[in-house]
């Protein structure tokens, strides 16, 4: 499950759809791990955008945070970090089993 809190950042419905497309790979990894919950919060801090994510799954919990000048760049970096971390958790879970 993915929860998005856009905070003080105004997102159009097309932007939300774009974000969900970017998060598709992370969502698949999370479903493979099981018990997956992803909370994403966006804030505008001065001229920058800060995006943070809290992830809970069966393999463990972790958090990621990115700060960029554009919300798209911030979300792209966050999605890359999430995918990498979830992939590592999936590999560790396969090695244990």
PDB file of N, CA and C in Angstrom:
ATOM      1  N   UNK A   1       0.845  -1.162   0.000  1.00  0.00           N
ATOM      2  CA  UNK A   1       0.000   0.000   0.000  1.00  0.00           C
ATOM      3  C   UNK A   1       0.900   1.238   0.000  1.00  0.00           C
ATOM      4  N   UNK A   2       0.512   2.239  -0.766  1.00  0.00           N
ATOM      5  CA  UNK A   2       1.263   3.483  -0.850  1.00  0.00           C
ATOM      6  C   UNK A   2       0.385   4.618  -0.363  1.00  0.00           C
ATOM      7  N   UNK A   3       0.933   5.431   0.537  1.00  0.00           N
ATOM      8  CA  UNK A   3       0.238   6.619   1.032  1.00  0.00           C
ATOM      9  C   UNK A   3       1.085   7.833   0.675  1.00  0.00           C
ATOM     10  N   UNK A   4       0.483   8.806   0.005  1.00  0.00           N
ATOM     11  CA  UNK A   4       1.185  10.010  -0.408  1.00  0.00           C
ATOM     12  C   UNK A   4       0.603  11.205   0.323  1.00  0.00           C
ATOM     13  N   UNK A   5       1.457  11.922   1.059  1.00  0.00           N
ATOM     14  CA  UNK A   5       1.074  13.165   1.723  1.00  0.00           C
ATOM     15  C   UNK A   5       1.838  14.283   1.025  1.00  0.00           C
ATOM     16  N   UNK A   6       1.139  15.039   0.174  1.00  0.00           N
ATOM     17  CA  UNK A   6       1.819  16.058  -0.625  1.00  0.00           C
ATOM     18  C   UNK A   6       2.112  17.323   0.173  1.00  0.00           C
ATOM     19  N   UNK A   7       1.615  17.440   1.396  1.00  0.00           N
ATOM     20  CA  UNK A   7       1.941  18.581   2.251  1.00  0.00           C
ATOM     21  C   UNK A   7       1.592  19.901   1.585  1.00  0.00           C
ATOM     22  N   UNK A   8       2.570  20.799   1.496  1.00  0.00           N
ATOM     23  CA  UNK A   8       2.328  22.112   0.904  1.00  0.00           C
ATOM     24  C   UNK A   8       2.748  22.163  -0.566  1.00  0.00           C
ATOM     25  N   UNK A   9       2.814  21.004  -1.222  1.00  0.00           N
ATOM     26  CA  UNK A   9       3.152  20.919  -2.643  1.00  0.00           C
ATOM     27  C   UNK A   9       1.870  20.597  -3.404  1.00  0.00           C
ATOM     28  N   UNK A  10       1.514  21.455  -4.360  1.00  0.00           N
ATOM     29  CA  UNK A  10       0.309  21.237  -5.136  1.00  0.00           C
ATOM     30  C   UNK A  10       0.615  20.304  -6.309  1.00  0.00           C
ATOM     31  N   UNK A  11      -0.057  19.155  -6.326  1.00  0.00           N
ATOM     32  CA  UNK A  11       0.122  18.176  -7.401  1.00  0.00           C
ATOM     33  C   UNK A  11      -1.176  18.026  -8.174  1.00  0.00           C
ATOM     34  N   UNK A  12      -1.070  18.074  -9.483  1.00  0.00           N
ATOM     35  CA  UNK A  12      -2.232  17.823 -10.325  1.00  0.00           C
ATOM     36  C   UNK A  12      -2.455  16.310 -10.389  1.00  0.00           C
ATOM     37  N   UNK A  13      -3.654  15.888 -10.769  1.00  0.00           N
ATOM     38  CA  UNK A  13      -3.911  14.443 -10.907  1.00  0.00           C
ATOM     39  C   UNK A  13      -2.957  13.757 -11.882  1.00  0.00           C
ATOM     40  N   UNK A  14      -2.538  14.458 -12.928  1.00  0.00           N
ATOM     41  CA  UNK A  14      -1.591  13.857 -13.869  1.00  0.00           C
ATOM     42  C   UNK A  14      -0.232  13.636 -13.211  1.00  0.00           C
ATOM     43  N   UNK A  15       0.148  14.522 -12.281  1.00  0.00           N
ATOM     44  CA  UNK A  15       1.403  14.344 -11.545  1.00  0.00           C
ATOM     45  C   UNK A  15       1.318  13.123 -10.633  1.00  0.00           C
ATOM     46  N   UNK A  16       0.185  12.941  -9.987  1.00  0.00           N
ATOM     47  CA  UNK A  16       0.007  11.776  -9.109  1.00  0.00           C
ATOM     48  C   UNK A  16       0.083  10.478  -9.915  1.00  0.00           C
ATOM     49  N   UNK A  17      -0.505  10.495 -11.092  1.00  0.00           N
ATOM     50  CA  UNK A  17      -0.457   9.322 -11.965  1.00  0.00           C
ATOM     51  C   UNK A  17       0.976   9.031 -12.390  1.00  0.00           C
ATOM     52  N   UNK A  18       1.741  10.076 -12.680  1.00  0.00           N
ATOM     53  CA  UNK A  18       3.141   9.924 -13.052  1.00  0.00           C
ATOM     54  C   UNK A  18       3.946   9.330 -11.891  1.00  0.00           C
ATOM     55  N   UNK A  19       3.685   9.796 -10.684  1.00  0.00           N
ATOM     56  CA  UNK A  19       4.379   9.259  -9.509  1.00  0.00           C
ATOM     57  C   UNK A  19       4.084   7.774  -9.318  1.00  0.00           C
ATOM     58  N   UNK A  20       2.828   7.392  -9.518  1.00  0.00           N
ATOM     59  CA  UNK A  20       2.477   5.984  -9.366  1.00  0.00           C
ATOM     60  C   UNK A  20       3.177   5.129 -10.418  1.00  0.00           C
ATOM     61  N   UNK A  21       3.351   5.660 -11.610  1.00  0.00           N
ATOM     62  CA  UNK A  21       4.071   4.920 -12.649  1.00  0.00           C
ATOM     63  C   UNK A  21       5.531   4.742 -12.242  1.00  0.00           C
ATOM     64  N   UNK A  22       6.128   5.774 -11.656  1.00  0.00           N
ATOM     65  CA  UNK A  22       7.524   5.678 -11.216  1.00  0.00           C
ATOM     66  C   UNK A  22       7.677   4.673 -10.075  1.00  0.00           C
ATOM     67  N   UNK A  23       6.660   4.546  -9.241  1.00  0.00           N
ATOM     68  CA  UNK A  23       6.735   3.679  -8.060  1.00  0.00           C
ATOM     69  C   UNK A  23       6.338   2.232  -8.348  1.00  0.00           C
ATOM     70  N   UNK A  24       6.007   1.908  -9.586  1.00  0.00           N
ATOM     71  CA  UNK A  24       5.537   0.569  -9.918  1.00  0.00           C
ATOM     72  C   UNK A  24       6.551  -0.518  -9.560  1.00  0.00           C
ATOM     73  N   UNK A  25       7.815  -0.299  -9.868  1.00  0.00           N
ATOM     74  CA  UNK A  25       8.841  -1.307  -9.576  1.00  0.00           C
ATOM     75  C   UNK A  25       8.994  -1.512  -8.068  1.00  0.00           C
ATOM     76  N   UNK A  26       9.014  -0.415  -7.316  1.00  0.00           N
ATOM     77  CA  UNK A  26       9.112  -0.518  -5.863  1.00  0.00           C
ATOM     78  C   UNK A  26       7.918  -1.260  -5.284  1.00  0.00           C
ATOM     79  N   UNK A  27       6.757  -1.004  -5.831  1.00  0.00           N
ATOM     80  CA  UNK A  27       5.551  -1.679  -5.362  1.00  0.00           C
ATOM     81  C   UNK A  27       5.634  -3.183  -5.606  1.00  0.00           C
ATOM     82  N   UNK A  28       6.167  -3.600  -6.763  1.00  0.00           N
ATOM     83  CA  UNK A  28       6.325  -5.037  -7.040  1.00  0.00           C
ATOM     84  C   UNK A  28       7.289  -5.688  -6.055  1.00  0.00           C
ATOM     85  N   UNK A  29       8.430  -5.027  -5.787  1.00  0.00           N
ATOM     86  CA  UNK A  29       9.370  -5.567  -4.798  1.00  0.00           C
ATOM     87  C   UNK A  29       8.711  -5.675  -3.429  1.00  0.00           C
ATOM     88  N   UNK A  30       7.960  -4.656  -3.054  1.00  0.00           N
ATOM     89  CA  UNK A  30       7.280  -4.673  -1.763  1.00  0.00           C
ATOM     90  C   UNK A  30       6.262  -5.781  -1.651  1.00  0.00           C
ATOM     91  N   UNK A  31       5.534  -6.044  -2.720  1.00  0.00           N
ATOM     92  CA  UNK A  31       4.552  -7.127  -2.697  1.00  0.00           C
ATOM     93  C   UNK A  31       5.232  -8.480  -2.583  1.00  0.00           C
ATOM     94  N   UNK A  32       6.409  -8.622  -3.196  1.00  0.00           N
ATOM     95  CA  UNK A  32       7.151  -9.886  -3.074  1.00  0.00           C
ATOM     96  C   UNK A  32       7.633 -10.097  -1.647  1.00  0.00           C
ATOM     97  N   UNK A  33       8.029  -9.009  -0.986  1.00  0.00           N
ATOM     98  CA  UNK A  33       8.498  -9.124   0.388  1.00  0.00           C
ATOM     99  C   UNK A  33       7.341  -9.389   1.342  1.00  0.00           C
ATOM    100  N   UNK A  34       6.179  -8.802   1.084  1.00  0.00           N
ATOM    101  CA  UNK A  34       5.003  -9.002   1.915  1.00  0.00           C
ATOM    102  C   UNK A  34       4.868  -7.938   2.990  1.00  0.00           C
ATOM    103  N   UNK A  35       3.631  -7.699   3.417  1.00  0.00           N
ATOM    104  CA  UNK A  35       3.315  -6.744   4.487  1.00  0.00           C
ATOM    105  C   UNK A  35       3.916  -5.370   4.174  1.00  0.00           C
ATOM    106  N   UNK A  36       3.687  -4.860   2.961  1.00  0.00           N
ATOM    107  CA  UNK A  36       4.350  -3.660   2.459  1.00  0.00           C
ATOM    108  C   UNK A  36       3.502  -2.410   2.674  1.00  0.00           C
ATOM    109  N   UNK A  37       4.091  -1.408   3.323  1.00  0.00           N
ATOM    110  CA  UNK A  37       3.456  -0.098   3.497  1.00  0.00           C
ATOM    111  C   UNK A  37       4.501   0.962   3.205  1.00  0.00           C
ATOM    112  N   UNK A  38       4.176   1.886   2.308  1.00  0.00           N
ATOM    113  CA  UNK A  38       5.080   2.964   1.917  1.00  0.00           C
ATOM    114  C   UNK A  38       4.384   4.293   2.160  1.00  0.00           C
ATOM    115  N   UNK A  39       4.955   5.120   3.037  1.00  0.00           N
ATOM    116  CA  UNK A  39       4.444   6.456   3.325  1.00  0.00           C
ATOM    117  C   UNK A  39       5.402   7.472   2.738  1.00  0.00           C
ATOM    118  N   UNK A  40       4.907   8.304   1.832  1.00  0.00           N
ATOM    119  CA  UNK A  40       5.724   9.337   1.198  1.00  0.00           C
ATOM    120  C   UNK A  40       5.170  10.696   1.590  1.00  0.00           C
ATOM    121  N   UNK A  41       6.043  11.583   2.037  1.00  0.00           N
ATOM    122  CA  UNK A  41       5.623  12.943   2.356  1.00  0.00           C
ATOM    123  C   UNK A  41       6.496  13.933   1.599  1.00  0.00           C
ATOM    124  N   UNK A  42       5.843  14.963   1.066  1.00  0.00           N
ATOM    125  CA  UNK A  42       6.532  15.995   0.295  1.00  0.00           C
ATOM    126  C   UNK A  42       6.342  17.336   1.011  1.00  0.00           C
ATOM    127  N   UNK A  43       7.415  18.121   1.051  1.00  0.00           N
ATOM    128  CA  UNK A  43       7.349  19.454   1.645  1.00  0.00           C
ATOM    129  C   UNK A  43       8.162  20.408   0.808  1.00  0.00           C
ATOM    130  N   UNK A  44       7.699  21.620   0.731  1.00  0.00           N
ATOM    131  CA  UNK A  44       8.502  22.659   0.109  1.00  0.00           C
ATOM    132  C   UNK A  44       9.193  23.406   1.236  1.00  0.00           C
ATOM    133  N   UNK A  45      10.528  23.441   1.179  1.00  0.00           N
ATOM    134  CA  UNK A  45      11.335  24.095   2.204  1.00  0.00           C
ATOM    135  C   UNK A  45      12.150  25.178   1.508  1.00  0.00           C
ATOM    136  N   UNK A  46      11.720  26.415   1.647  1.00  0.00           N
ATOM    137  CA  UNK A  46      12.387  27.499   0.938  1.00  0.00           C
ATOM    138  C   UNK A  46      12.187  27.331  -0.555  1.00  0.00           C
ATOM    139  N   UNK A  47      13.277  27.273  -1.299  1.00  0.00           N
ATOM    140  CA  UNK A  47      13.193  27.052  -2.747  1.00  0.00           C
ATOM    141  C   UNK A  47      13.332  25.590  -3.126  1.00  0.00           C
ATOM    142  N   UNK A  48      13.553  24.740  -2.159  1.00  0.00           N
ATOM    143  CA  UNK A  48      13.789  23.320  -2.425  1.00  0.00           C
ATOM    144  C   UNK A  48      12.574  22.476  -2.032  1.00  0.00           C
ATOM    145  N   UNK A  49      12.560  21.270  -2.543  1.00  0.00           N
ATOM    146  CA  UNK A  49      11.528  20.287  -2.209  1.00  0.00           C
ATOM    147  C   UNK A  49      12.185  19.145  -1.455  1.00  0.00           C
ATOM    148  N   UNK A  50      11.591  18.788  -0.319  1.00  0.00           N
ATOM    149  CA  UNK A  50      12.099  17.674   0.476  1.00  0.00           C
ATOM    150  C   UNK A  50      11.075  16.551   0.424  1.00  0.00           C
ATOM    151  N   UNK A  51      11.521  15.388   0.002  1.00  0.00           N
ATOM    152  CA  UNK A  51      10.657  14.216  -0.111  1.00  0.00           C
ATOM    153  C   UNK A  51      11.232  13.136   0.790  1.00  0.00           C
ATOM    154  N   UNK A  52      10.394  12.602   1.650  1.00  0.00           N
ATOM    155  CA  UNK A  52      10.857  11.538   2.541  1.00  0.00           C
ATOM    156  C   UNK A  52       9.893  10.357   2.457  1.00  0.00           C
ATOM    157  N   UNK A  53      10.443   9.184   2.697  1.00  0.00           N
ATOM    158  CA  UNK A  53       9.649   7.956   2.625  1.00  0.00           C
ATOM    159  C   UNK A  53       9.955   7.080   3.831  1.00  0.00           C
ATOM    160  N   UNK A  54       8.914   6.495   4.384  1.00  0.00           N
ATOM    161  CA  UNK A  54       9.010   5.501   5.451  1.00  0.00           C
ATOM    162  C   UNK A  54       8.483   4.191   4.884  1.00  0.00           C
ATOM    163  N   UNK A  55       9.292   3.141   4.963  1.00  0.00           N
ATOM    164  CA  UNK A  55       8.909   1.854   4.391  1.00  0.00           C
ATOM    165  C   UNK A  55       8.838   0.817   5.502  1.00  0.00           C
ATOM    166  N   UNK A  56       7.757   0.060   5.478  1.00  0.00           N
ATOM    167  CA  UNK A  56       7.597  -1.065   6.395  1.00  0.00           C
ATOM    168  C   UNK A  56       7.270  -2.290   5.549  1.00  0.00           C
ATOM    169  N   UNK A  57       8.029  -3.348   5.757  1.00  0.00           N
ATOM    170  CA  UNK A  57       7.728  -4.618   5.102  1.00  0.00           C
ATOM    171  C   UNK A  57       8.185  -5.752   6.006  1.00  0.00           C
ATOM    172  N   UNK A  58       8.003  -6.962   5.542  1.00  0.00           N
ATOM    173  CA  UNK A  58       8.322  -8.122   6.361  1.00  0.00           C
ATOM    174  C   UNK A  58       9.823  -8.247   6.633  1.00  0.00           C
ATOM    175  N   UNK A  59      10.652  -7.723   5.724  1.00  0.00           N
ATOM    176  CA  UNK A  59      12.109  -7.820   5.879  1.00  0.00           C
ATOM    177  C   UNK A  59      12.669  -6.765   6.828  1.00  0.00           C
ATOM    178  N   UNK A  60      11.904  -5.716   7.117  1.00  0.00           N
ATOM    179  CA  UNK A  60      12.375  -4.676   8.025  1.00  0.00           C
ATOM    180  C   UNK A  60      11.869  -3.305   7.628  1.00  0.00           C
ATOM    181  N   UNK A  61      12.230  -2.310   8.429  1.00  0.00           N
ATOM    182  CA  UNK A  61      11.814  -0.936   8.181  1.00  0.00           C
ATOM    183  C   UNK A  61      13.025  -0.096   7.801  1.00  0.00           C
ATOM    184  N   UNK A  62      12.799   0.909   6.961  1.00  0.00           N
ATOM    185  CA  UNK A  62      13.848   1.869   6.653  1.00  0.00           C
ATOM    186  C   UNK A  62      13.213   3.167   6.187  1.00  0.00           C
ATOM    187  N   UNK A  63      14.035   4.216   6.123  1.00  0.00           N
ATOM    188  CA  UNK A  63      13.570   5.533   5.696  1.00  0.00           C
ATOM    189  C   UNK A  63      14.548   6.113   4.682  1.00  0.00           C
ATOM    190  N   UNK A  64      14.034   6.908   3.777  1.00  0.00           N
ATOM    191  CA  UNK A  64      14.848   7.617   2.781  1.00  0.00           C
ATOM    192  C   UNK A  64      14.404   9.077   2.765  1.00  0.00           C
ATOM    193  N   UNK A  65      15.361   9.963   2.483  1.00  0.00           N
ATOM    194  CA  UNK A  65      15.028  11.384   2.379  1.00  0.00           C
ATOM    195  C   UNK A  65      15.880  12.017   1.295  1.00  0.00           C
ATOM    196  N   UNK A  66      15.242  12.869   0.473  1.00  0.00           N
ATOM    197  CA  UNK A  66      15.922  13.538  -0.634  1.00  0.00           C
ATOM    198  C   UNK A  66      15.490  15.000  -0.650  1.00  0.00           C
ATOM    199  N   UNK A  67      16.440  15.872  -0.976  1.00  0.00           N
ATOM    200  CA  UNK A  67      16.140  17.292  -1.101  1.00  0.00           C
ATOM    201  C   UNK A  67      16.721  17.787  -2.417  1.00  0.00           C
ATOM    202  N   UNK A  68      15.857  18.348  -3.278  1.00  0.00           N
ATOM    203  CA  UNK A  68      16.264  18.841  -4.587  1.00  0.00           C
ATOM    204  C   UNK A  68      15.538  20.150  -4.888  1.00  0.00           C
ATOM    205  N   UNK A  69      15.975  20.811  -5.959  1.00  0.00           N
ATOM    206  CA  UNK A  69      15.364  22.089  -6.323  1.00  0.00           C
ATOM    207  C   UNK A  69      14.054  21.910  -7.084  1.00  0.00           C
ATOM    208  N   UNK A  70      13.803  20.724  -7.629  1.00  0.00           N
ATOM    209  CA  UNK A  70      12.578  20.447  -8.376  1.00  0.00           C
ATOM    210  C   UNK A  70      11.932  19.193  -7.799  1.00  0.00           C
ATOM    211  N   UNK A  71      10.599  19.176  -7.694  1.00  0.00           N
ATOM    212  CA  UNK A  71       9.939  18.028  -7.067  1.00  0.00           C
ATOM    213  C   UNK A  71      10.102  16.765  -7.919  1.00  0.00           C
ATOM    214  N   UNK A  72      10.190  16.921  -9.243  1.00  0.00           N
ATOM    215  CA  UNK A  72      10.370  15.736 -10.095  1.00  0.00           C
ATOM    216  C   UNK A  72      11.737  15.095  -9.874  1.00  0.00           C
ATOM    217  N   UNK A  73      12.767  15.921  -9.770  1.00  0.00           N
ATOM    218  CA  UNK A  73      14.111  15.390  -9.506  1.00  0.00           C
ATOM    219  C   UNK A  73      14.164  14.724  -8.134  1.00  0.00           C
ATOM    220  N   UNK A  74      13.521  15.337  -7.157  1.00  0.00           N
ATOM    221  CA  UNK A  74      13.504  14.765  -5.808  1.00  0.00           C
ATOM    222  C   UNK A  74      12.802  13.414  -5.799  1.00  0.00           C
ATOM    223  N   UNK A  75      11.654  13.322  -6.466  1.00  0.00           N
ATOM    224  CA  UNK A  75      10.922  12.056  -6.497  1.00  0.00           C
ATOM    225  C   UNK A  75      11.684  10.996  -7.271  1.00  0.00           C
ATOM    226  N   UNK A  76      12.335  11.375  -8.377  1.00  0.00           N
ATOM    227  CA  UNK A  76      13.124  10.407  -9.144  1.00  0.00           C
ATOM    228  C   UNK A  76      14.251   9.835  -8.303  1.00  0.00           C
ATOM    229  N   UNK A  77      14.966  10.709  -7.576  1.00  0.00           N
ATOM    230  CA  UNK A  77      16.041  10.227  -6.708  1.00  0.00           C
ATOM    231  C   UNK A  77      15.495   9.312  -5.616  1.00  0.00           C
ATOM    232  N   UNK A  78      14.365   9.686  -5.035  1.00  0.00           N
ATOM    233  CA  UNK A  78      13.765   8.873  -3.985  1.00  0.00           C
ATOM    234  C   UNK A  78      13.349   7.510  -4.522  1.00  0.00           C
ATOM    235  N   UNK A  79      12.750   7.482  -5.705  1.00  0.00           N
ATOM    236  CA  UNK A  79      12.314   6.211  -6.309  1.00  0.00           C
ATOM    237  C   UNK A  79      13.517   5.315  -6.566  1.00  0.00           C
ATOM    238  N   UNK A  80      14.618   5.893  -7.033  1.00  0.00           N
ATOM    239  CA  UNK A  80      15.831   5.097  -7.261  1.00  0.00           C
ATOM    240  C   UNK A  80      16.352   4.512  -5.957  1.00  0.00           C
ATOM    241  N   UNK A  81      16.378   5.320  -4.899  1.00  0.00           N
ATOM    242  CA  UNK A  81      16.834   4.824  -3.598  1.00  0.00           C
ATOM    243  C   UNK A  81      15.922   3.727  -3.073  1.00  0.00           C
ATOM    244  N   UNK A  82      14.614   3.928  -3.202  1.00  0.00           N
ATOM    245  CA  UNK A  82      13.658   2.919  -2.738  1.00  0.00           C
ATOM    246  C   UNK A  82      13.828   1.604  -3.483  1.00  0.00           C
ATOM    247  N   UNK A  83      13.948   1.678  -4.792  1.00  0.00           N
ATOM    248  CA  UNK A  83      14.104   0.462  -5.592  1.00  0.00           C
ATOM    249  C   UNK A  83      15.366  -0.293  -5.210  1.00  0.00           C
ATOM    250  N   UNK A  84      16.453   0.439  -5.025  1.00  0.00           N
ATOM    251  CA  UNK A  84      17.718  -0.192  -4.651  1.00  0.00           C
ATOM    252  C   UNK A  84      17.611  -0.867  -3.291  1.00  0.00           C
ATOM    253  N   UNK A  85      17.059  -0.161  -2.321  1.00  0.00           N
ATOM    254  CA  UNK A  85      16.952  -0.709  -0.966  1.00  0.00           C
ATOM    255  C   UNK A  85      16.009  -1.911  -0.923  1.00  0.00           C
ATOM    256  N   UNK A  86      14.873  -1.814  -1.598  1.00  0.00           N
ATOM    257  CA  UNK A  86      13.939  -2.942  -1.612  1.00  0.00           C
ATOM    258  C   UNK A  86      14.524  -4.149  -2.332  1.00  0.00           C
ATOM    259  N   UNK A  87      15.287  -3.908  -3.386  1.00  0.00           N
ATOM    260  CA  UNK A  87      15.953  -5.004  -4.083  1.00  0.00           C
ATOM    261  C   UNK A  87      16.954  -5.698  -3.159  1.00  0.00           C
ATOM    262  N   UNK A  88      17.715  -4.903  -2.409  1.00  0.00           N
ATOM    263  CA  UNK A  88      18.680  -5.494  -1.467  1.00  0.00           C
ATOM    264  C   UNK A  88      17.973  -6.316  -0.394  1.00  0.00           C
ATOM    265  N   UNK A  89      16.847  -5.817   0.100  1.00  0.00           N
ATOM    266  CA  UNK A  89      16.095  -6.584   1.090  1.00  0.00           C
ATOM    267  C   UNK A  89      15.571  -7.889   0.483  1.00  0.00           C
ATOM    268  N   UNK A  90      15.128  -7.819  -0.756  1.00  0.00           N
ATOM    269  CA  UNK A  90      14.620  -9.021  -1.429  1.00  0.00           C
ATOM    270  C   UNK A  90      15.727 -10.050  -1.618  1.00  0.00           C
ATOM    271  N   UNK A  91      16.920  -9.595  -2.006  1.00  0.00           N
ATOM    272  CA  UNK A  91      18.060 -10.499  -2.194  1.00  0.00           C
ATOM    273  C   UNK A  91      18.454 -11.135  -0.855  1.00  0.00           C
ATOM    274  N   UNK A  92      18.488 -10.335   0.209  1.00  0.00           N
ATOM    275  CA  UNK A  92      18.820 -10.877   1.536  1.00  0.00           C
ATOM    276  C   UNK A  92      17.792 -11.906   1.985  1.00  0.00           C
ATOM    277  N   UNK A  93      16.530 -11.647   1.703  1.00  0.00           N
ATOM    278  CA  UNK A  93      15.484 -12.579   2.101  1.00  0.00           C
ATOM    279  C   UNK A  93      15.613 -13.896   1.324  1.00  0.00           C
ATOM    280  N   UNK A  94      15.987 -13.804   0.047  1.00  0.00           N
ATOM    281  CA  UNK A  94      16.180 -15.031  -0.743  1.00  0.00           C
ATOM    282  C   UNK A  94      17.394 -15.798  -0.257  1.00  0.00           C
ATOM    283  N   UNK A  95      18.443 -15.105   0.175  1.00  0.00           N
ATOM    284  CA  UNK A  95      19.655 -15.778   0.652  1.00  0.00           C
ATOM    285  C   UNK A  95      19.395 -16.525   1.964  1.00  0.00           C
ATOM    286  N   UNK A  96      18.532 -15.971   2.799  1.00  0.00           N
ATOM    287  CA  UNK A  96      18.221 -16.607   4.086  1.00  0.00           C
ATOM    288  C   UNK A  96      17.348 -17.839   3.874  1.00  0.00           C
ATOM    289  N   UNK A  97      16.429 -17.760   2.940  1.00  0.00           N
ATOM    290  CA  UNK A  97      15.485 -18.865   2.715  1.00  0.00           C
ATOM    291  C   UNK A  97      16.103 -20.067   2.061  1.00  0.00           C
TER     292      UNK A  97
END
